[in-house]
Amino acid sequence: MLTFWLNLMVKEQNTDNTQERIRSAAKKIFMTRGLSGARMQDIADEAGINKALLHYYFKNKEMLFENIFLDAMQQFFPKIREIVGGEAPLFTKIENFCRQYIEMMMQNPYLPLFVVNEINNNPATFMNKFWDKEQSFLVLFVEQIEREYQAGIIKQVSPAQLFINMLSMCIFPFIAKPMWMTATGMDELQFRYFMEQRKAEVPKFIIESIKK
């Protein structure tokens, strides 16, 4: 009986290790080739396994990408909830939101285009799978904007417009990355430096546009 449980534990550990190798390899392939350019054979080669074993764990690359994407979102959304619904001053929230969002995109540069494509193709499916249904943090954000307006800290501003400005100014450079790098002659290192600068430039621009 002891031998049975030991063998089962080893099998589970090997399964976990194989899945993690696949996920790590897939992230690398998706990052360099995107979802459309990635092939299951490329991922199998990168992970050091055969294609049949890869298909045993993940039926297709879309399923694998969704697995990685969901994991990333489950790590990311709690941070955003904490920032947006927390007790920090509004300007601090804007700074923290932009820094965290840009950092997330830098670590997972394949995500923005996937999100845009999924929202356009299957908006209801995307929202049901990935959007956090607990949105009380947004209510708290709206209430804080109204309080800081009443206190004379900021100009009157639409909470929806402010949130979309924060979101779009962080995500657009990643969506437009190929075009921008071609137009400017930037390489990957220069683009990363450019985005590091935007962690400070974006919140500064937004705060200057709303403060009194």
N, C-alpha and C. Protein backbone atom coordinates (compact mmCIF):
# COMPACT_ATOMS: atom_id res chain seq x y z
N MET A 1 0.83 -1.21 0.00
CA MET A 1 0.00 0.00 0.00
C MET A 1 0.87 1.26 0.00
N LEU A 2 1.95 1.23 0.81
CA LEU A 2 2.86 2.37 0.87
C LEU A 2 3.49 2.65 -0.49
N THR A 3 3.88 1.55 -1.16
CA THR A 3 4.49 1.69 -2.49
C THR A 3 3.52 2.32 -3.47
N PHE A 4 2.25 1.94 -3.38
CA PHE A 4 1.22 2.50 -4.27
C PHE A 4 1.13 4.02 -4.11
N TRP A 5 1.06 4.48 -2.84
CA TRP A 5 0.92 5.93 -2.60
C TRP A 5 2.18 6.69 -3.01
N LEU A 6 3.36 6.09 -2.80
CA LEU A 6 4.60 6.73 -3.21
C LEU A 6 4.65 6.87 -4.73
N ASN A 7 4.25 5.82 -5.44
CA ASN A 7 4.22 5.88 -6.91
C ASN A 7 3.23 6.93 -7.40
N LEU A 8 2.08 7.02 -6.70
CA LEU A 8 1.07 8.01 -7.08
C LEU A 8 1.59 9.42 -6.89
N MET A 9 2.30 9.65 -5.77
CA MET A 9 2.87 10.97 -5.49
C MET A 9 3.90 11.35 -6.54
N VAL A 10 4.75 10.40 -6.92
CA VAL A 10 5.77 10.65 -7.94
C VAL A 10 5.12 10.98 -9.27
N LYS A 11 4.05 10.23 -9.63
CA LYS A 11 3.34 10.46 -10.88
C LYS A 11 2.73 11.85 -10.91
N GLU A 12 2.10 12.28 -9.78
CA GLU A 12 1.49 13.60 -9.70
C GLU A 12 2.54 14.70 -9.82
N GLN A 13 3.70 14.46 -9.18
CA GLN A 13 4.78 15.45 -9.24
C GLN A 13 5.32 15.57 -10.66
N ASN A 14 5.48 14.43 -11.33
CA ASN A 14 5.96 14.46 -12.72
C ASN A 14 4.96 15.17 -13.63
N THR A 15 3.65 14.94 -13.37
CA THR A 15 2.61 15.61 -14.14
C THR A 15 2.69 17.12 -13.97
N ASP A 16 2.84 17.55 -12.71
CA ASP A 16 2.95 18.99 -12.42
C ASP A 16 4.17 19.59 -13.11
N ASN A 17 5.30 18.87 -13.06
CA ASN A 17 6.53 19.37 -13.67
C ASN A 17 6.38 19.48 -15.18
N THR A 18 5.74 18.48 -15.79
CA THR A 18 5.55 18.50 -17.24
C THR A 18 4.63 19.65 -17.65
N GLN A 19 3.55 19.83 -16.92
CA GLN A 19 2.63 20.92 -17.23
C GLN A 19 3.31 22.27 -17.10
N GLU A 20 4.15 22.42 -16.08
CA GLU A 20 4.83 23.70 -15.88
C GLU A 20 5.85 23.94 -16.99
N ARG A 21 6.54 22.89 -17.43
CA ARG A 21 7.48 23.02 -18.56
C ARG A 21 6.74 23.44 -19.82
N ILE A 22 5.57 22.85 -20.03
CA ILE A 22 4.77 23.21 -21.21
C ILE A 22 4.33 24.66 -21.13
N ARG A 23 3.84 25.07 -19.98
CA ARG A 23 3.37 26.45 -19.81
C ARG A 23 4.51 27.44 -20.00
N SER A 24 5.67 27.12 -19.45
CA SER A 24 6.83 28.00 -19.58
C SER A 24 7.27 28.11 -21.03
N ALA A 25 7.28 26.98 -21.73
CA ALA A 25 7.65 26.97 -23.15
C ALA A 25 6.63 27.74 -23.97
N ALA A 26 5.35 27.54 -23.68
CA ALA A 26 4.28 28.21 -24.43
C ALA A 26 4.36 29.73 -24.26
N LYS A 27 4.63 30.19 -23.04
CA LYS A 27 4.77 31.63 -22.80
C LYS A 27 5.86 32.21 -23.69
N LYS A 28 6.98 31.50 -23.78
CA LYS A 28 8.10 31.97 -24.59
C LYS A 28 7.73 32.03 -26.07
N ILE A 29 7.04 31.01 -26.55
CA ILE A 29 6.64 30.97 -27.96
C ILE A 29 5.58 32.02 -28.26
N PHE A 30 4.58 32.14 -27.39
CA PHE A 30 3.54 33.14 -27.59
C PHE A 30 4.12 34.55 -27.57
N MET A 31 5.12 34.77 -26.71
CA MET A 31 5.73 36.09 -26.57
C MET A 31 6.46 36.50 -27.85
N THR A 32 7.10 35.54 -28.49
CA THR A 32 7.91 35.86 -29.67
C THR A 32 7.15 35.75 -30.98
N ARG A 33 6.10 34.89 -31.01
CA ARG A 33 5.42 34.64 -32.28
C ARG A 33 3.94 34.98 -32.26
N GLY A 34 3.40 35.28 -31.06
CA GLY A 34 1.98 35.57 -30.97
C GLY A 34 1.17 34.29 -31.06
N LEU A 35 -0.13 34.42 -30.80
CA LEU A 35 -1.01 33.25 -30.84
C LEU A 35 -1.12 32.68 -32.24
N SER A 36 -1.29 33.54 -33.23
CA SER A 36 -1.48 33.06 -34.60
C SER A 36 -0.23 32.42 -35.17
N GLY A 37 0.95 32.91 -34.78
CA GLY A 37 2.20 32.39 -35.33
C GLY A 37 2.76 31.19 -34.60
N ALA A 38 2.22 30.90 -33.43
CA ALA A 38 2.73 29.77 -32.64
C ALA A 38 2.19 28.45 -33.18
N ARG A 39 3.02 27.41 -33.13
CA ARG A 39 2.59 26.07 -33.52
C ARG A 39 2.81 25.13 -32.33
N MET A 40 1.96 24.12 -32.24
CA MET A 40 2.09 23.16 -31.15
C MET A 40 3.44 22.45 -31.21
N GLN A 41 3.95 22.20 -32.42
CA GLN A 41 5.25 21.56 -32.54
C GLN A 41 6.36 22.44 -31.96
N ASP A 42 6.24 23.76 -32.19
CA ASP A 42 7.23 24.69 -31.63
C ASP A 42 7.23 24.62 -30.10
N ILE A 43 6.03 24.57 -29.52
CA ILE A 43 5.90 24.52 -28.06
C ILE A 43 6.45 23.20 -27.53
N ALA A 44 6.15 22.11 -28.21
CA ALA A 44 6.66 20.80 -27.79
C ALA A 44 8.19 20.78 -27.84
N ASP A 45 8.75 21.31 -28.90
CA ASP A 45 10.22 21.35 -29.04
C ASP A 45 10.84 22.18 -27.92
N GLU A 46 10.24 23.32 -27.63
CA GLU A 46 10.76 24.21 -26.59
C GLU A 46 10.69 23.55 -25.22
N ALA A 47 9.63 22.76 -25.00
CA ALA A 47 9.45 22.08 -23.71
C ALA A 47 10.27 20.79 -23.61
N GLY A 48 10.81 20.34 -24.75
CA GLY A 48 11.61 19.12 -24.74
C GLY A 48 10.78 17.86 -24.64
N ILE A 49 9.57 17.90 -25.20
CA ILE A 49 8.70 16.73 -25.19
C ILE A 49 8.20 16.49 -26.61
N ASN A 50 7.54 15.34 -26.82
CA ASN A 50 6.99 15.10 -28.15
C ASN A 50 5.59 15.72 -28.26
N LYS A 51 5.15 15.89 -29.47
CA LYS A 51 3.88 16.57 -29.72
C LYS A 51 2.70 15.79 -29.16
N ALA A 52 2.78 14.48 -29.19
CA ALA A 52 1.69 13.65 -28.67
C ALA A 52 1.48 13.89 -27.18
N LEU A 53 2.58 14.02 -26.45
CA LEU A 53 2.47 14.29 -25.01
C LEU A 53 1.89 15.68 -24.77
N LEU A 54 2.28 16.64 -25.59
CA LEU A 54 1.73 17.99 -25.47
C LEU A 54 0.21 17.96 -25.65
N HIS A 55 -0.25 17.23 -26.66
CA HIS A 55 -1.69 17.14 -26.92
C HIS A 55 -2.42 16.38 -25.82
N TYR A 56 -1.70 15.51 -25.09
CA TYR A 56 -2.30 14.80 -23.97
C TYR A 56 -2.72 15.78 -22.88
N TYR A 57 -1.86 16.79 -22.65
CA TYR A 57 -2.14 17.78 -21.61
C TYR A 57 -3.03 18.92 -22.12
N PHE A 58 -2.81 19.33 -23.35
CA PHE A 58 -3.56 20.45 -23.92
C PHE A 58 -3.97 20.10 -25.35
N LYS A 59 -5.26 20.07 -25.60
CA LYS A 59 -5.79 19.61 -26.88
C LYS A 59 -5.30 20.45 -28.04
N ASN A 60 -5.24 21.79 -27.86
CA ASN A 60 -4.80 22.69 -28.92
C ASN A 60 -4.15 23.93 -28.32
N LYS A 61 -3.59 24.77 -29.16
CA LYS A 61 -2.87 25.93 -28.64
C LYS A 61 -3.81 26.96 -28.03
N GLU A 62 -5.06 27.01 -28.52
CA GLU A 62 -6.03 27.95 -27.95
C GLU A 62 -6.34 27.58 -26.50
N MET A 63 -6.48 26.29 -26.24
CA MET A 63 -6.73 25.83 -24.87
C MET A 63 -5.54 26.13 -23.97
N LEU A 64 -4.35 25.95 -24.49
CA LEU A 64 -3.14 26.23 -23.73
C LEU A 64 -3.02 27.72 -23.46
N PHE A 65 -3.31 28.53 -24.47
CA PHE A 65 -3.23 29.98 -24.29
C PHE A 65 -4.24 30.45 -23.26
N GLU A 66 -5.45 29.90 -23.33
CA GLU A 66 -6.49 30.28 -22.38
C GLU A 66 -6.07 29.93 -20.96
N ASN A 67 -5.42 28.79 -20.80
CA ASN A 67 -4.95 28.37 -19.48
C ASN A 67 -3.94 29.37 -18.92
N ILE A 68 -3.01 29.79 -19.77
CA ILE A 68 -1.99 30.75 -19.34
C ILE A 68 -2.62 32.10 -19.09
N PHE A 69 -3.52 32.51 -19.97
CA PHE A 69 -4.16 33.81 -19.85
C PHE A 69 -4.99 33.90 -18.57
N LEU A 70 -5.77 32.86 -18.29
CA LEU A 70 -6.61 32.87 -17.10
C LEU A 70 -5.77 32.94 -15.85
N ASP A 71 -4.65 32.22 -15.83
CA ASP A 71 -3.75 32.26 -14.68
C ASP A 71 -3.20 33.67 -14.47
N ALA A 72 -2.81 34.32 -15.57
CA ALA A 72 -2.28 35.68 -15.48
C ALA A 72 -3.34 36.64 -14.97
N MET A 73 -4.57 36.51 -15.46
CA MET A 73 -5.65 37.40 -15.05
C MET A 73 -6.03 37.18 -13.59
N GLN A 74 -5.96 35.94 -13.13
CA GLN A 74 -6.29 35.64 -11.75
C GLN A 74 -5.26 36.23 -10.79
N GLN A 75 -4.05 36.43 -11.28
CA GLN A 75 -3.03 37.10 -10.47
C GLN A 75 -3.17 38.62 -10.55
N PHE A 76 -3.63 39.09 -11.71
CA PHE A 76 -3.65 40.52 -11.98
C PHE A 76 -4.87 41.23 -11.39
N PHE A 77 -6.07 40.66 -11.58
CA PHE A 77 -7.28 41.33 -11.15
C PHE A 77 -7.32 41.63 -9.65
N PRO A 78 -6.87 40.72 -8.77
CA PRO A 78 -6.87 41.08 -7.35
C PRO A 78 -6.02 42.31 -7.04
N LYS A 79 -4.91 42.47 -7.75
CA LYS A 79 -4.07 43.65 -7.54
C LYS A 79 -4.80 44.91 -7.96
N ILE A 80 -5.52 44.83 -9.09
CA ILE A 80 -6.27 45.99 -9.57
C ILE A 80 -7.42 46.32 -8.62
N ARG A 81 -8.12 45.29 -8.14
CA ARG A 81 -9.19 45.51 -7.16
C ARG A 81 -8.66 46.21 -5.93
N GLU A 82 -7.50 45.75 -5.46
CA GLU A 82 -6.91 46.32 -4.26
C GLU A 82 -6.53 47.78 -4.46
N ILE A 83 -5.97 48.08 -5.63
CA ILE A 83 -5.56 49.45 -5.93
C ILE A 83 -6.77 50.36 -6.08
N VAL A 84 -7.70 49.98 -6.96
CA VAL A 84 -8.83 50.84 -7.29
C VAL A 84 -9.80 50.98 -6.12
N GLY A 85 -10.01 49.91 -5.37
CA GLY A 85 -10.96 49.96 -4.26
C GLY A 85 -10.35 50.27 -2.92
N GLY A 86 -9.05 50.52 -2.88
CA GLY A 86 -8.37 50.79 -1.62
C GLY A 86 -8.61 52.20 -1.09
N GLU A 87 -7.90 52.54 -0.04
CA GLU A 87 -8.11 53.81 0.65
C GLU A 87 -7.07 54.87 0.30
N ALA A 88 -6.19 54.59 -0.63
CA ALA A 88 -5.16 55.56 -1.01
C ALA A 88 -5.79 56.76 -1.70
N PRO A 89 -5.13 57.93 -1.66
CA PRO A 89 -5.62 59.10 -2.41
C PRO A 89 -5.74 58.79 -3.90
N LEU A 90 -6.60 59.51 -4.59
CA LEU A 90 -6.88 59.23 -6.00
C LEU A 90 -5.61 59.29 -6.84
N PHE A 91 -4.79 60.31 -6.65
CA PHE A 91 -3.59 60.44 -7.48
C PHE A 91 -2.64 59.25 -7.27
N THR A 92 -2.56 58.76 -6.03
CA THR A 92 -1.72 57.59 -5.74
C THR A 92 -2.28 56.36 -6.43
N LYS A 93 -3.61 56.24 -6.45
CA LYS A 93 -4.24 55.11 -7.13
C LYS A 93 -3.92 55.12 -8.62
N ILE A 94 -3.99 56.30 -9.23
CA ILE A 94 -3.70 56.41 -10.65
C ILE A 94 -2.26 55.99 -10.94
N GLU A 95 -1.34 56.45 -10.11
CA GLU A 95 0.07 56.08 -10.28
C GLU A 95 0.27 54.57 -10.12
N ASN A 96 -0.34 53.99 -9.09
CA ASN A 96 -0.18 52.55 -8.84
C ASN A 96 -0.84 51.71 -9.93
N PHE A 97 -2.02 52.14 -10.39
CA PHE A 97 -2.73 51.41 -11.44
C PHE A 97 -1.88 51.37 -12.71
N CYS A 98 -1.38 52.51 -13.14
CA CYS A 98 -0.61 52.57 -14.38
C CYS A 98 0.67 51.75 -14.27
N ARG A 99 1.33 51.83 -13.13
CA ARG A 99 2.57 51.07 -12.95
C ARG A 99 2.30 49.57 -13.00
N GLN A 100 1.27 49.12 -12.28
CA GLN A 100 0.95 47.70 -12.24
C GLN A 100 0.48 47.19 -13.60
N TYR A 101 -0.34 47.98 -14.29
CA TYR A 101 -0.89 47.53 -15.57
C TYR A 101 0.22 47.41 -16.61
N ILE A 102 1.08 48.41 -16.68
CA ILE A 102 2.17 48.37 -17.65
C ILE A 102 3.13 47.23 -17.33
N GLU A 103 3.41 47.01 -16.06
CA GLU A 103 4.29 45.92 -15.67
C GLU A 103 3.70 44.57 -16.07
N MET A 104 2.39 44.43 -15.88
CA MET A 104 1.71 43.19 -16.27
C MET A 104 1.85 42.95 -17.77
N MET A 105 1.66 43.99 -18.56
CA MET A 105 1.76 43.85 -20.01
C MET A 105 3.21 43.58 -20.45
N MET A 106 4.16 44.14 -19.75
CA MET A 106 5.56 43.89 -20.08
C MET A 106 5.93 42.43 -19.81
N GLN A 107 5.36 41.86 -18.78
CA GLN A 107 5.63 40.47 -18.44
C GLN A 107 4.87 39.51 -19.36
N ASN A 108 3.74 39.98 -19.90
CA ASN A 108 2.89 39.14 -20.76
C ASN A 108 2.50 39.90 -22.02
N PRO A 109 3.47 40.22 -22.88
CA PRO A 109 3.19 41.09 -24.04
C PRO A 109 2.26 40.49 -25.08
N TYR A 110 1.98 39.19 -24.99
CA TYR A 110 1.08 38.56 -25.94
C TYR A 110 -0.39 38.75 -25.56
N LEU A 111 -0.65 39.26 -24.36
CA LEU A 111 -2.03 39.35 -23.88
C LEU A 111 -2.90 40.41 -24.57
N PRO A 112 -2.40 41.64 -24.81
CA PRO A 112 -3.30 42.69 -25.31
C PRO A 112 -4.04 42.34 -26.59
N LEU A 113 -3.32 41.84 -27.61
CA LEU A 113 -3.98 41.51 -28.87
C LEU A 113 -4.97 40.36 -28.70
N PHE A 114 -4.61 39.41 -27.85
CA PHE A 114 -5.53 38.31 -27.58
C PHE A 114 -6.82 38.83 -26.96
N VAL A 115 -6.69 39.73 -26.00
CA VAL A 115 -7.87 40.30 -25.33
C VAL A 115 -8.74 41.03 -26.34
N VAL A 116 -8.13 41.86 -27.17
CA VAL A 116 -8.89 42.63 -28.16
C VAL A 116 -9.61 41.69 -29.12
N ASN A 117 -8.91 40.67 -29.61
CA ASN A 117 -9.53 39.72 -30.54
C ASN A 117 -10.68 38.96 -29.90
N GLU A 118 -10.47 38.51 -28.66
CA GLU A 118 -11.51 37.76 -27.97
C GLU A 118 -12.74 38.61 -27.68
N ILE A 119 -12.51 39.86 -27.27
CA ILE A 119 -13.63 40.76 -26.97
C ILE A 119 -14.43 41.03 -28.24
N ASN A 120 -13.73 41.22 -29.36
CA ASN A 120 -14.43 41.49 -30.62
C ASN A 120 -15.17 40.27 -31.14
N ASN A 121 -14.57 39.09 -30.99
CA ASN A 121 -15.16 37.88 -31.55
C ASN A 121 -16.22 37.26 -30.64
N ASN A 122 -15.91 37.23 -29.33
CA ASN A 122 -16.82 36.57 -28.39
C ASN A 122 -16.94 37.38 -27.10
N PRO A 123 -17.56 38.56 -27.16
CA PRO A 123 -17.61 39.44 -25.98
C PRO A 123 -18.27 38.80 -24.78
N ALA A 124 -19.39 38.13 -24.97
CA ALA A 124 -20.11 37.53 -23.84
C ALA A 124 -19.28 36.41 -23.21
N THR A 125 -18.68 35.56 -24.05
CA THR A 125 -17.86 34.46 -23.55
C THR A 125 -16.66 34.99 -22.78
N PHE A 126 -16.02 36.01 -23.34
CA PHE A 126 -14.85 36.58 -22.68
C PHE A 126 -15.21 37.13 -21.30
N MET A 127 -16.29 37.90 -21.22
CA MET A 127 -16.67 38.53 -19.96
C MET A 127 -17.03 37.47 -18.92
N ASN A 128 -17.71 36.42 -19.34
CA ASN A 128 -18.10 35.37 -18.40
C ASN A 128 -16.89 34.62 -17.86
N LYS A 129 -15.90 34.43 -18.70
CA LYS A 129 -14.73 33.66 -18.29
C LYS A 129 -13.74 34.48 -17.48
N PHE A 130 -13.50 35.70 -17.93
CA PHE A 130 -12.33 36.42 -17.42
C PHE A 130 -12.62 37.67 -16.61
N TRP A 131 -13.79 38.28 -16.80
CA TRP A 131 -14.03 39.53 -16.08
C TRP A 131 -14.54 39.24 -14.68
N ASP A 132 -13.93 39.86 -13.70
CA ASP A 132 -14.32 39.68 -12.31
C ASP A 132 -15.73 40.23 -12.10
N LYS A 133 -16.64 39.38 -11.67
CA LYS A 133 -18.03 39.81 -11.51
C LYS A 133 -18.23 40.65 -10.25
N GLU A 134 -17.27 40.61 -9.34
CA GLU A 134 -17.33 41.44 -8.14
C GLU A 134 -16.76 42.81 -8.48
N GLN A 135 -17.65 43.78 -8.69
CA GLN A 135 -17.22 45.09 -9.17
C GLN A 135 -17.48 46.21 -8.16
N SER A 136 -17.60 45.86 -6.88
CA SER A 136 -17.83 46.89 -5.87
C SER A 136 -16.66 47.86 -5.80
N PHE A 137 -15.47 47.41 -6.20
CA PHE A 137 -14.30 48.29 -6.18
C PHE A 137 -14.49 49.46 -7.14
N LEU A 138 -15.24 49.25 -8.23
CA LEU A 138 -15.50 50.34 -9.16
C LEU A 138 -16.46 51.36 -8.55
N VAL A 139 -17.42 50.89 -7.77
CA VAL A 139 -18.33 51.80 -7.08
C VAL A 139 -17.56 52.68 -6.11
N LEU A 140 -16.63 52.08 -5.37
CA LEU A 140 -15.80 52.84 -4.43
C LEU A 140 -14.96 53.88 -5.17
N PHE A 141 -14.49 53.51 -6.35
CA PHE A 141 -13.68 54.42 -7.16
C PHE A 141 -14.51 55.63 -7.59
N VAL A 142 -15.73 55.37 -8.04
CA VAL A 142 -16.63 56.45 -8.46
C VAL A 142 -16.93 57.37 -7.28
N GLU A 143 -17.20 56.80 -6.12
CA GLU A 143 -17.50 57.61 -4.94
C GLU A 143 -16.30 58.46 -4.53
N GLN A 144 -15.11 57.92 -4.66
CA GLN A 144 -13.91 58.68 -4.31
C GLN A 144 -13.70 59.86 -5.26
N ILE A 145 -13.96 59.65 -6.53
CA ILE A 145 -13.83 60.74 -7.50
C ILE A 145 -14.77 61.89 -7.13
N GLU A 146 -16.00 61.54 -6.76
CA GLU A 146 -16.97 62.56 -6.37
C GLU A 146 -16.51 63.29 -5.11
N ARG A 147 -15.98 62.58 -4.13
CA ARG A 147 -15.50 63.20 -2.89
C ARG A 147 -14.35 64.16 -3.17
N GLU A 148 -13.42 63.74 -4.01
CA GLU A 148 -12.25 64.59 -4.26
C GLU A 148 -12.63 65.78 -5.14
N TYR A 149 -13.67 65.63 -5.93
CA TYR A 149 -14.19 66.79 -6.67
C TYR A 149 -14.84 67.78 -5.70
N GLN A 150 -15.66 67.28 -4.80
CA GLN A 150 -16.33 68.13 -3.83
C GLN A 150 -15.33 68.83 -2.91
N ALA A 151 -14.20 68.16 -2.66
CA ALA A 151 -13.16 68.75 -1.80
C ALA A 151 -12.28 69.74 -2.54
N GLY A 152 -12.50 69.90 -3.85
CA GLY A 152 -11.73 70.85 -4.63
C GLY A 152 -10.35 70.35 -5.03
N ILE A 153 -10.13 69.04 -4.95
CA ILE A 153 -8.83 68.46 -5.30
C ILE A 153 -8.71 68.27 -6.81
N ILE A 154 -9.82 67.87 -7.45
CA ILE A 154 -9.83 67.62 -8.89
C ILE A 154 -10.96 68.39 -9.55
N LYS A 155 -10.86 68.50 -10.87
CA LYS A 155 -11.95 69.08 -11.65
C LYS A 155 -13.09 68.05 -11.74
N GLN A 156 -14.24 68.50 -12.17
CA GLN A 156 -15.33 67.55 -12.40
C GLN A 156 -14.95 66.67 -13.59
N VAL A 157 -15.02 65.37 -13.39
CA VAL A 157 -14.58 64.44 -14.43
C VAL A 157 -15.49 63.22 -14.42
N SER A 158 -15.75 62.67 -15.59
CA SER A 158 -16.52 61.44 -15.70
C SER A 158 -15.66 60.27 -15.23
N PRO A 159 -16.13 59.51 -14.23
CA PRO A 159 -15.35 58.34 -13.78
C PRO A 159 -15.08 57.35 -14.91
N ALA A 160 -16.07 57.17 -15.79
CA ALA A 160 -15.88 56.24 -16.91
C ALA A 160 -14.78 56.73 -17.85
N GLN A 161 -14.79 58.03 -18.14
CA GLN A 161 -13.76 58.60 -19.02
C GLN A 161 -12.38 58.48 -18.38
N LEU A 162 -12.31 58.74 -17.08
CA LEU A 162 -11.03 58.67 -16.38
C LEU A 162 -10.49 57.24 -16.41
N PHE A 163 -11.35 56.27 -16.12
CA PHE A 163 -10.90 54.88 -16.08
C PHE A 163 -10.46 54.40 -17.46
N ILE A 164 -11.21 54.77 -18.49
CA ILE A 164 -10.84 54.38 -19.85
C ILE A 164 -9.54 55.05 -20.27
N ASN A 165 -9.33 56.29 -19.87
CA ASN A 165 -8.06 56.97 -20.17
C ASN A 165 -6.89 56.22 -19.54
N MET A 166 -7.04 55.84 -18.28
CA MET A 166 -6.00 55.10 -17.59
C MET A 166 -5.71 53.78 -18.31
N LEU A 167 -6.77 53.08 -18.66
CA LEU A 167 -6.64 51.78 -19.29
C LEU A 167 -6.01 51.87 -20.68
N SER A 168 -6.57 52.76 -21.51
CA SER A 168 -6.13 52.83 -22.91
C SER A 168 -4.71 53.37 -23.05
N MET A 169 -4.32 54.32 -22.23
CA MET A 169 -2.98 54.89 -22.34
C MET A 169 -1.91 53.89 -21.91
N CYS A 170 -2.32 52.92 -21.09
CA CYS A 170 -1.38 51.87 -20.69
C CYS A 170 -1.29 50.76 -21.73
N ILE A 171 -2.42 50.39 -22.29
CA ILE A 171 -2.45 49.20 -23.14
C ILE A 171 -2.14 49.48 -24.61
N PHE A 172 -2.46 50.70 -25.10
CA PHE A 172 -2.31 50.95 -26.54
C PHE A 172 -0.89 50.73 -27.07
N PRO A 173 0.16 51.17 -26.38
CA PRO A 173 1.50 50.94 -26.93
C PRO A 173 1.81 49.47 -27.19
N PHE A 174 1.24 48.57 -26.39
CA PHE A 174 1.49 47.14 -26.60
C PHE A 174 0.73 46.64 -27.82
N ILE A 175 -0.48 47.17 -28.04
CA ILE A 175 -1.25 46.78 -29.22
C ILE A 175 -0.58 47.30 -30.49
N ALA A 176 -0.06 48.52 -30.41
CA ALA A 176 0.56 49.15 -31.57
C ALA A 176 2.06 48.88 -31.65
N LYS A 177 2.56 47.99 -30.82
CA LYS A 177 4.01 47.75 -30.72
C LYS A 177 4.68 47.46 -32.06
N PRO A 178 4.18 46.53 -32.88
CA PRO A 178 4.87 46.25 -34.15
C PRO A 178 4.96 47.48 -35.05
N MET A 179 3.85 48.21 -35.16
CA MET A 179 3.84 49.41 -35.99
C MET A 179 4.79 50.46 -35.42
N TRP A 180 4.75 50.67 -34.11
CA TRP A 180 5.57 51.69 -33.47
C TRP A 180 7.06 51.36 -33.60
N MET A 181 7.43 50.12 -33.40
CA MET A 181 8.83 49.73 -33.48
C MET A 181 9.34 49.86 -34.91
N THR A 182 8.48 49.54 -35.89
CA THR A 182 8.88 49.68 -37.30
C THR A 182 9.05 51.15 -37.67
N ALA A 183 8.11 51.98 -37.21
CA ALA A 183 8.14 53.40 -37.56
C ALA A 183 9.31 54.13 -36.91
N THR A 184 9.67 53.73 -35.69
CA THR A 184 10.71 54.45 -34.96
C THR A 184 12.08 53.78 -35.03
N GLY A 185 12.11 52.52 -35.48
CA GLY A 185 13.37 51.78 -35.50
C GLY A 185 13.79 51.27 -34.14
N MET A 186 12.86 51.23 -33.20
CA MET A 186 13.18 50.72 -31.86
C MET A 186 13.45 49.22 -31.90
N ASP A 187 14.35 48.77 -31.05
CA ASP A 187 14.50 47.34 -30.84
C ASP A 187 13.76 46.98 -29.55
N GLU A 188 13.80 45.72 -29.17
CA GLU A 188 13.03 45.25 -28.01
C GLU A 188 13.50 45.92 -26.72
N LEU A 189 14.79 46.08 -26.56
CA LEU A 189 15.33 46.70 -25.35
C LEU A 189 14.89 48.16 -25.25
N GLN A 190 14.93 48.86 -26.37
CA GLN A 190 14.51 50.26 -26.38
C GLN A 190 13.02 50.39 -26.09
N PHE A 191 12.23 49.45 -26.61
CA PHE A 191 10.78 49.50 -26.33
C PHE A 191 10.52 49.29 -24.85
N ARG A 192 11.23 48.37 -24.23
CA ARG A 192 11.03 48.13 -22.81
C ARG A 192 11.42 49.36 -21.99
N TYR A 193 12.48 50.03 -22.40
CA TYR A 193 12.88 51.26 -21.70
C TYR A 193 11.81 52.33 -21.87
N PHE A 194 11.26 52.42 -23.08
CA PHE A 194 10.19 53.37 -23.38
C PHE A 194 8.98 53.12 -22.47
N MET A 195 8.63 51.85 -22.28
CA MET A 195 7.48 51.51 -21.44
C MET A 195 7.79 51.73 -19.96
N GLU A 196 9.02 51.54 -19.56
CA GLU A 196 9.40 51.87 -18.18
C GLU A 196 9.17 53.36 -17.93
N GLN A 197 9.49 54.19 -18.91
CA GLN A 197 9.25 55.63 -18.77
C GLN A 197 7.77 55.94 -18.67
N ARG A 198 6.95 55.18 -19.41
CA ARG A 198 5.51 55.43 -19.39
C ARG A 198 4.86 55.12 -18.04
N LYS A 199 5.51 54.31 -17.23
CA LYS A 199 4.99 54.06 -15.89
C LYS A 199 4.87 55.36 -15.10
N ALA A 200 5.72 56.31 -15.41
CA ALA A 200 5.65 57.62 -14.75
C ALA A 200 4.95 58.65 -15.63
N GLU A 201 5.14 58.58 -16.94
CA GLU A 201 4.59 59.59 -17.84
C GLU A 201 3.07 59.54 -17.92
N VAL A 202 2.50 58.35 -17.98
CA VAL A 202 1.04 58.23 -18.12
C VAL A 202 0.30 58.78 -16.91
N PRO A 203 0.62 58.34 -15.69
CA PRO A 203 -0.10 58.92 -14.54
C PRO A 203 0.13 60.42 -14.39
N LYS A 204 1.34 60.88 -14.70
CA LYS A 204 1.63 62.31 -14.63
C LYS A 204 0.71 63.09 -15.57
N PHE A 205 0.55 62.59 -16.80
CA PHE A 205 -0.30 63.26 -17.79
C PHE A 205 -1.76 63.27 -17.32
N ILE A 206 -2.24 62.13 -16.83
CA ILE A 206 -3.64 62.03 -16.40
C ILE A 206 -3.91 62.91 -15.19
N ILE A 207 -3.01 62.88 -14.22
CA ILE A 207 -3.20 63.68 -13.01
C ILE A 207 -3.20 65.17 -13.34
N GLU A 208 -2.28 65.59 -14.20
CA GLU A 208 -2.23 67.00 -14.59
C GLU A 208 -3.51 67.43 -15.29
N SER A 209 -4.18 66.50 -15.98
CA SER A 209 -5.39 66.86 -16.73
C SER A 209 -6.62 67.00 -15.84
N ILE A 210 -6.58 66.44 -14.62
CA ILE A 210 -7.78 66.50 -13.77
C ILE A 210 -7.61 67.29 -12.48
N LYS A 211 -6.39 67.58 -12.08
CA LYS A 211 -6.24 68.28 -10.80
C LYS A 211 -6.49 69.77 -10.96
N LYS A 212 -6.96 70.39 -9.87
CA LYS A 212 -7.23 71.83 -9.88
C LYS A 212 -5.95 72.58 -9.55
